[in-house]
């Protein structure tokens, strides 16, 4: 079995956030979240900060291609770059 913090793929290692620091982050309003052991072949879940829902910003000059690719992995919760608006309209999520 692979030890927690050592995934089986691409030579990466998940770094856990220890409980004292998680508690401090909780107190600041940040949420904790596990990296699931079963998904990544770990011995146990690895606890970290949940970054979902954080706003993402880009320059007006960011290419439409980059923004479109990024939108495929991000939920719609922020004001949109023109290419992002095109992406979501094209998939029927917004009018």
N, C-alpha and C. Protein backbone atom coordinates (compact mmCIF):
# COMPACT_ATOMS: atom_id res chain seq x y z
N UNK A 1 0.84 -1.18 0.00
CA UNK A 1 0.00 0.00 0.00
C UNK A 1 0.89 1.24 0.00
N UNK A 2 0.44 2.28 -0.67
CA UNK A 2 1.19 3.54 -0.74
C UNK A 2 0.92 4.35 0.52
N UNK A 3 1.93 4.92 1.11
CA UNK A 3 1.75 5.71 2.32
C UNK A 3 1.06 7.02 2.03
N UNK A 4 0.29 7.54 3.01
CA UNK A 4 -0.38 8.83 2.84
C UNK A 4 0.63 9.88 2.44
N UNK A 5 0.25 10.71 1.52
CA UNK A 5 1.16 11.75 1.05
C UNK A 5 2.01 11.31 -0.13
N UNK A 6 1.91 10.04 -0.53
CA UNK A 6 2.69 9.54 -1.66
C UNK A 6 1.77 8.90 -2.69
N UNK A 7 1.34 9.66 -3.70
CA UNK A 7 0.46 9.08 -4.71
C UNK A 7 1.21 8.14 -5.63
N UNK A 8 0.46 7.37 -6.37
CA UNK A 8 1.04 6.38 -7.26
C UNK A 8 1.34 6.92 -8.64
N UNK A 9 0.99 8.19 -8.91
CA UNK A 9 1.11 8.70 -10.27
C UNK A 9 2.04 9.89 -10.37
N UNK A 10 2.76 9.96 -11.44
CA UNK A 10 3.54 11.11 -11.89
C UNK A 10 4.53 11.69 -10.89
N UNK A 11 4.92 10.93 -9.91
CA UNK A 11 5.96 11.37 -9.00
C UNK A 11 5.58 12.52 -8.08
N UNK A 12 4.30 12.82 -7.98
CA UNK A 12 3.86 13.91 -7.10
C UNK A 12 3.58 13.36 -5.71
N UNK A 13 3.64 14.26 -4.73
CA UNK A 13 3.33 13.88 -3.37
C UNK A 13 2.40 14.92 -2.77
N UNK A 14 1.28 14.47 -2.23
CA UNK A 14 0.35 15.38 -1.57
C UNK A 14 0.89 15.73 -0.19
N UNK A 15 0.92 17.02 0.12
CA UNK A 15 1.41 17.46 1.42
C UNK A 15 0.22 17.78 2.31
N UNK A 16 0.06 17.05 3.42
CA UNK A 16 -1.07 17.30 4.30
C UNK A 16 -0.87 18.58 5.10
N UNK A 17 -2.00 19.16 5.50
CA UNK A 17 -1.98 20.28 6.43
C UNK A 17 -2.33 19.68 7.80
N UNK A 18 -1.49 19.91 8.79
CA UNK A 18 -1.69 19.32 10.11
C UNK A 18 -2.86 19.96 10.85
N UNK A 19 -3.39 19.24 11.82
CA UNK A 19 -4.58 19.66 12.55
C UNK A 19 -4.47 21.06 13.18
N UNK A 20 -3.38 21.42 13.83
CA UNK A 20 -3.34 22.77 14.41
C UNK A 20 -3.53 23.86 13.35
N UNK A 21 -2.91 23.66 12.20
CA UNK A 21 -3.03 24.64 11.12
C UNK A 21 -4.43 24.59 10.50
N UNK A 22 -5.00 23.40 10.36
CA UNK A 22 -6.37 23.29 9.84
C UNK A 22 -7.34 24.01 10.75
N UNK A 23 -7.16 23.88 12.05
CA UNK A 23 -8.03 24.57 13.00
C UNK A 23 -7.91 26.09 12.86
N UNK A 24 -6.69 26.58 12.70
CA UNK A 24 -6.49 28.02 12.50
C UNK A 24 -7.17 28.48 11.22
N UNK A 25 -7.03 27.71 10.15
CA UNK A 25 -7.65 28.07 8.88
C UNK A 25 -9.18 28.00 8.98
N UNK A 26 -9.70 27.00 9.70
CA UNK A 26 -11.14 26.92 9.96
C UNK A 26 -11.63 28.20 10.62
N UNK A 27 -10.89 28.66 11.62
CA UNK A 27 -11.27 29.86 12.37
C UNK A 27 -11.27 31.10 11.47
N UNK A 28 -10.48 31.06 10.41
CA UNK A 28 -10.43 32.18 9.45
C UNK A 28 -11.51 32.07 8.38
N UNK A 29 -12.29 30.99 8.43
CA UNK A 29 -13.37 30.82 7.46
C UNK A 29 -13.00 29.95 6.26
N UNK A 30 -11.81 29.41 6.24
CA UNK A 30 -11.42 28.51 5.16
C UNK A 30 -11.87 27.10 5.50
N UNK A 31 -12.29 26.36 4.49
CA UNK A 31 -12.78 25.01 4.72
C UNK A 31 -11.69 23.98 4.50
N UNK A 32 -11.73 22.93 5.28
CA UNK A 32 -10.83 21.80 5.08
C UNK A 32 -11.51 20.77 4.19
N UNK A 33 -10.69 19.95 3.55
CA UNK A 33 -11.23 18.92 2.68
C UNK A 33 -10.20 17.80 2.54
N UNK A 34 -10.67 16.55 2.49
CA UNK A 34 -9.71 15.47 2.29
C UNK A 34 -9.41 15.23 0.82
N UNK A 35 -8.19 14.86 0.54
CA UNK A 35 -7.86 14.28 -0.76
C UNK A 35 -8.11 12.80 -0.57
N UNK A 36 -9.11 12.24 -1.26
CA UNK A 36 -9.54 10.87 -0.96
C UNK A 36 -8.49 9.80 -1.28
N UNK A 37 -8.25 8.97 -0.29
CA UNK A 37 -7.25 7.90 -0.44
C UNK A 37 -7.59 6.97 -1.59
N UNK A 38 -8.86 6.59 -1.69
CA UNK A 38 -9.23 5.61 -2.71
C UNK A 38 -9.06 6.14 -4.12
N UNK A 39 -9.20 7.46 -4.31
CA UNK A 39 -9.07 8.03 -5.64
C UNK A 39 -7.62 8.05 -6.12
N UNK A 40 -6.69 8.22 -5.18
CA UNK A 40 -5.29 8.39 -5.56
C UNK A 40 -4.38 7.27 -5.09
N UNK A 41 -4.95 6.18 -4.62
CA UNK A 41 -4.13 5.05 -4.20
C UNK A 41 -3.31 5.33 -2.96
N UNK A 42 -3.85 6.10 -2.04
CA UNK A 42 -3.15 6.44 -0.81
C UNK A 42 -3.58 5.50 0.32
N UNK A 43 -2.76 5.44 1.34
CA UNK A 43 -3.07 4.61 2.50
C UNK A 43 -4.22 5.22 3.31
N UNK A 44 -4.27 6.55 3.36
CA UNK A 44 -5.36 7.23 4.07
C UNK A 44 -5.59 8.59 3.42
N UNK A 45 -6.73 9.21 3.75
CA UNK A 45 -7.03 10.54 3.22
C UNK A 45 -5.95 11.53 3.65
N UNK A 46 -5.69 12.51 2.81
CA UNK A 46 -4.74 13.57 3.13
C UNK A 46 -5.55 14.87 3.27
N UNK A 47 -5.50 15.47 4.46
CA UNK A 47 -6.29 16.67 4.72
C UNK A 47 -5.57 17.93 4.26
N UNK A 48 -6.35 18.82 3.63
CA UNK A 48 -5.80 20.06 3.08
C UNK A 48 -6.89 21.13 3.09
N UNK A 49 -6.61 22.26 2.47
CA UNK A 49 -7.57 23.36 2.37
C UNK A 49 -8.39 23.18 1.10
N UNK A 50 -9.69 23.41 1.19
CA UNK A 50 -10.59 23.31 0.06
C UNK A 50 -10.59 24.67 -0.66
N UNK A 51 -10.09 24.69 -1.88
CA UNK A 51 -10.01 25.93 -2.64
C UNK A 51 -11.19 26.11 -3.59
N UNK A 52 -12.18 25.21 -3.55
CA UNK A 52 -13.32 25.36 -4.45
C UNK A 52 -14.09 26.63 -4.10
N UNK A 53 -14.62 27.27 -5.11
CA UNK A 53 -15.38 28.49 -4.91
C UNK A 53 -14.54 29.76 -4.84
N UNK A 54 -13.23 29.65 -4.95
CA UNK A 54 -12.39 30.83 -4.92
C UNK A 54 -12.49 31.54 -6.27
N UNK A 55 -12.54 32.88 -6.26
CA UNK A 55 -12.59 33.58 -7.55
C UNK A 55 -11.28 33.45 -8.32
N UNK A 56 -11.40 33.50 -9.62
CA UNK A 56 -10.24 33.42 -10.51
C UNK A 56 -10.26 34.65 -11.40
N UNK A 57 -9.15 35.33 -11.50
CA UNK A 57 -9.04 36.54 -12.30
C UNK A 57 -8.06 36.32 -13.44
N UNK A 58 -8.25 37.08 -14.53
CA UNK A 58 -7.29 37.05 -15.62
C UNK A 58 -7.24 38.43 -16.27
N UNK A 59 -6.21 38.66 -17.02
CA UNK A 59 -6.07 39.90 -17.77
C UNK A 59 -7.00 39.90 -18.97
N UNK A 60 -7.42 41.06 -19.42
CA UNK A 60 -8.21 41.16 -20.65
C UNK A 60 -7.47 40.54 -21.82
N UNK A 61 -6.15 40.56 -21.76
CA UNK A 61 -5.33 40.05 -22.86
C UNK A 61 -5.16 38.53 -22.83
N UNK A 62 -5.70 37.86 -21.82
CA UNK A 62 -5.60 36.39 -21.77
C UNK A 62 -6.29 35.80 -22.99
N UNK A 63 -5.64 34.83 -23.61
CA UNK A 63 -6.20 34.27 -24.85
C UNK A 63 -7.53 33.57 -24.61
N UNK A 64 -8.40 33.66 -25.60
CA UNK A 64 -9.70 32.99 -25.53
C UNK A 64 -9.53 31.48 -25.33
N UNK A 65 -8.53 30.92 -25.97
CA UNK A 65 -8.29 29.48 -25.85
C UNK A 65 -7.98 29.09 -24.39
N UNK A 66 -7.11 29.82 -23.74
CA UNK A 66 -6.74 29.52 -22.35
C UNK A 66 -7.97 29.63 -21.45
N UNK A 67 -8.74 30.70 -21.60
CA UNK A 67 -9.92 30.90 -20.76
C UNK A 67 -10.95 29.81 -21.02
N UNK A 68 -11.17 29.45 -22.26
CA UNK A 68 -12.12 28.38 -22.59
C UNK A 68 -11.71 27.05 -21.98
N UNK A 69 -10.44 26.72 -22.06
CA UNK A 69 -9.94 25.48 -21.47
C UNK A 69 -10.12 25.48 -19.95
N UNK A 70 -9.83 26.60 -19.34
CA UNK A 70 -9.96 26.71 -17.89
C UNK A 70 -11.42 26.55 -17.46
N UNK A 71 -12.34 27.13 -18.22
CA UNK A 71 -13.76 27.07 -17.87
C UNK A 71 -14.30 25.66 -17.86
N UNK A 72 -13.68 24.77 -18.57
CA UNK A 72 -14.12 23.39 -18.56
C UNK A 72 -13.96 22.72 -17.21
N UNK A 73 -13.18 23.31 -16.32
CA UNK A 73 -12.91 22.69 -15.02
C UNK A 73 -13.39 23.53 -13.84
N UNK A 74 -14.05 24.65 -14.11
CA UNK A 74 -14.40 25.58 -13.03
C UNK A 74 -15.90 25.85 -13.03
N UNK A 75 -16.54 25.83 -11.85
CA UNK A 75 -17.97 26.19 -11.80
C UNK A 75 -18.19 27.67 -12.03
N UNK A 76 -19.38 28.03 -12.51
CA UNK A 76 -19.71 29.41 -12.83
C UNK A 76 -20.17 30.14 -11.56
N UNK A 77 -19.30 30.98 -10.98
CA UNK A 77 -19.65 31.74 -9.77
C UNK A 77 -19.08 33.16 -9.78
N UNK A 78 -18.46 33.59 -10.89
CA UNK A 78 -17.76 34.88 -10.92
C UNK A 78 -18.12 35.66 -12.18
N UNK A 79 -17.83 37.00 -12.21
CA UNK A 79 -17.99 37.75 -13.47
C UNK A 79 -17.11 37.12 -14.54
N UNK A 80 -17.59 37.17 -15.77
CA UNK A 80 -16.94 36.41 -16.82
C UNK A 80 -16.12 37.22 -17.80
N UNK A 81 -14.99 36.68 -18.17
CA UNK A 81 -14.18 37.13 -19.30
C UNK A 81 -15.04 36.86 -20.55
N UNK A 82 -14.92 37.66 -21.62
CA UNK A 82 -15.73 37.42 -22.83
C UNK A 82 -15.62 35.99 -23.37
N UNK A 83 -14.44 35.41 -23.33
CA UNK A 83 -14.30 34.02 -23.81
C UNK A 83 -15.00 33.05 -22.87
N UNK A 84 -14.99 33.35 -21.57
CA UNK A 84 -15.69 32.49 -20.62
C UNK A 84 -17.20 32.58 -20.85
N UNK A 85 -17.69 33.78 -21.10
CA UNK A 85 -19.12 33.95 -21.39
C UNK A 85 -19.50 33.14 -22.64
N UNK A 86 -18.67 33.21 -23.67
CA UNK A 86 -18.90 32.43 -24.89
C UNK A 86 -18.94 30.94 -24.58
N UNK A 87 -18.02 30.48 -23.76
CA UNK A 87 -17.94 29.07 -23.39
C UNK A 87 -19.23 28.60 -22.73
N UNK A 88 -19.70 29.34 -21.70
CA UNK A 88 -20.89 28.94 -20.95
C UNK A 88 -22.16 29.07 -21.80
N UNK A 89 -22.25 30.09 -22.63
CA UNK A 89 -23.40 30.21 -23.53
C UNK A 89 -23.44 29.04 -24.51
N UNK A 90 -22.28 28.68 -25.02
CA UNK A 90 -22.20 27.59 -25.98
C UNK A 90 -22.63 26.25 -25.40
N UNK A 91 -22.58 26.12 -24.10
CA UNK A 91 -23.00 24.89 -23.44
C UNK A 91 -24.38 25.01 -22.82
N UNK A 92 -25.04 26.16 -23.03
CA UNK A 92 -26.40 26.33 -22.58
C UNK A 92 -26.56 26.63 -21.10
N UNK A 93 -25.47 26.98 -20.40
CA UNK A 93 -25.56 27.26 -18.97
C UNK A 93 -26.05 28.68 -18.68
N UNK A 94 -25.82 29.61 -19.60
CA UNK A 94 -26.31 30.99 -19.45
C UNK A 94 -26.92 31.43 -20.77
N UNK A 95 -27.76 32.49 -20.70
CA UNK A 95 -28.39 33.03 -21.93
C UNK A 95 -27.49 34.06 -22.56
